[in-house]
């Protein structure tokens, strides 16, 4: 999922617009249980949110 987050939030040659961090997180959440394993989504988003808050440790 981190690769999906990166792909959504990074500029690409083949598209002009890219997602904000919040939009990318919403996309991943919307696809939990469909495209992504819900437990992996939870763990990935916990890490992304901790990183956004400036924490360097993986949350419990």
C-alpha atoms as a PDB file:
ATOM      1  CA  UNK A   1       0.000   0.000   0.000  1.00  0.00           C
ATOM      2  CA  UNK A   2       2.868   2.374   0.562  1.00  0.00           C
ATOM      3  CA  UNK A   3       3.661   2.096  -3.144  1.00  0.00           C
ATOM      4  CA  UNK A   4       0.033   3.014  -3.941  1.00  0.00           C
ATOM      5  CA  UNK A   5       0.222   5.991  -1.575  1.00  0.00           C
ATOM      6  CA  UNK A   6       3.465   7.121  -3.211  1.00  0.00           C
ATOM      7  CA  UNK A   7       2.029   6.687  -6.712  1.00  0.00           C
ATOM      8  CA  UNK A   8      -1.074   8.695  -5.807  1.00  0.00           C
ATOM      9  CA  UNK A   9       0.784  11.548  -4.121  1.00  0.00           C
ATOM     10  CA  UNK A  10       3.704  11.923  -6.537  1.00  0.00           C
ATOM     11  CA  UNK A  11       3.643  13.793  -9.842  1.00  0.00           C
ATOM     12  CA  UNK A  12       3.751  11.463 -12.827  1.00  0.00           C
ATOM     13  CA  UNK A  13       4.599  12.080 -16.463  1.00  0.00           C
ATOM     14  CA  UNK A  14       1.339  10.489 -17.598  1.00  0.00           C
ATOM     15  CA  UNK A  15      -0.950  12.684 -15.464  1.00  0.00           C
ATOM     16  CA  UNK A  16      -0.885  16.285 -14.339  1.00  0.00           C
ATOM     17  CA  UNK A  17      -2.864  16.084 -11.117  1.00  0.00           C
ATOM     18  CA  UNK A  18      -1.964  14.052  -8.093  1.00  0.00           C
ATOM     19  CA  UNK A  19      -3.688  13.353  -4.789  1.00  0.00           C
ATOM     20  CA  UNK A  20      -3.070  15.227  -1.570  1.00  0.00           C
ATOM     21  CA  UNK A  21      -2.050  13.089   1.391  1.00  0.00           C
ATOM     22  CA  UNK A  22      -5.607  13.184   2.761  1.00  0.00           C
ATOM     23  CA  UNK A  23      -7.084  12.224  -0.625  1.00  0.00           C
ATOM     24  CA  UNK A  24      -4.665   9.310  -0.987  1.00  0.00           C
ATOM     25  CA  UNK A  25      -5.512   8.072   2.512  1.00  0.00           C
ATOM     26  CA  UNK A  26      -9.230   8.335   1.713  1.00  0.00           C
ATOM     27  CA  UNK A  27      -8.700   6.363  -1.508  1.00  0.00           C
ATOM     28  CA  UNK A  28      -6.874   3.601   0.350  1.00  0.00           C
ATOM     29  CA  UNK A  29      -9.540   3.501   3.076  1.00  0.00           C
ATOM     30  CA  UNK A  30     -12.321   3.287   0.463  1.00  0.00           C
ATOM     31  CA  UNK A  31     -10.642   0.283  -1.129  1.00  0.00           C
ATOM     32  CA  UNK A  32     -10.021  -1.621   2.117  1.00  0.00           C
ATOM     33  CA  UNK A  33     -11.609  -5.039   1.815  1.00  0.00           C
ATOM     34  CA  UNK A  34     -11.967  -4.624  -1.956  1.00  0.00           C
ATOM     35  CA  UNK A  35      -8.510  -4.016  -3.356  1.00  0.00           C
ATOM     36  CA  UNK A  36      -6.489  -4.049  -0.124  1.00  0.00           C
ATOM     37  CA  UNK A  37      -6.465  -6.249   2.963  1.00  0.00           C
ATOM     38  CA  UNK A  38      -8.193  -4.282   5.751  1.00  0.00           C
ATOM     39  CA  UNK A  39      -5.552  -5.169   8.355  1.00  0.00           C
ATOM     40  CA  UNK A  40      -2.777  -4.006   6.031  1.00  0.00           C
ATOM     41  CA  UNK A  41      -4.695  -0.781   5.409  1.00  0.00           C
ATOM     42  CA  UNK A  42      -5.033  -0.157   9.149  1.00  0.00           C
ATOM     43  CA  UNK A  43      -1.343  -0.805   9.802  1.00  0.00           C
ATOM     44  CA  UNK A  44      -0.186   1.268   6.837  1.00  0.00           C
ATOM     45  CA  UNK A  45      -2.413   4.211   7.702  1.00  0.00           C
ATOM     46  CA  UNK A  46      -1.286   4.084  11.343  1.00  0.00           C
ATOM     47  CA  UNK A  47       2.301   4.499  10.160  1.00  0.00           C
ATOM     48  CA  UNK A  48       1.453   7.222   7.629  1.00  0.00           C
ATOM     49  CA  UNK A  49      -0.506   9.188  10.226  1.00  0.00           C
ATOM     50  CA  UNK A  50       2.268   8.814  12.806  1.00  0.00           C
ATOM     51  CA  UNK A  51       4.760  10.041  10.250  1.00  0.00           C
ATOM     52  CA  UNK A  52       2.534  13.026   9.458  1.00  0.00           C
ATOM     53  CA  UNK A  53       2.524  13.893  13.174  1.00  0.00           C
ATOM     54  CA  UNK A  54       6.311  13.750  13.193  1.00  0.00           C
ATOM     55  CA  UNK A  55       6.606  10.511  15.112  1.00  0.00           C
ATOM     56  CA  UNK A  56       9.433   8.251  14.090  1.00  0.00           C
ATOM     57  CA  UNK A  57       8.316   5.122  15.864  1.00  0.00           C
ATOM     58  CA  UNK A  58       5.734   2.679  14.595  1.00  0.00           C
ATOM     59  CA  UNK A  59       2.616   2.990  16.785  1.00  0.00           C
ATOM     60  CA  UNK A  60       1.403   0.042  18.892  1.00  0.00           C
END
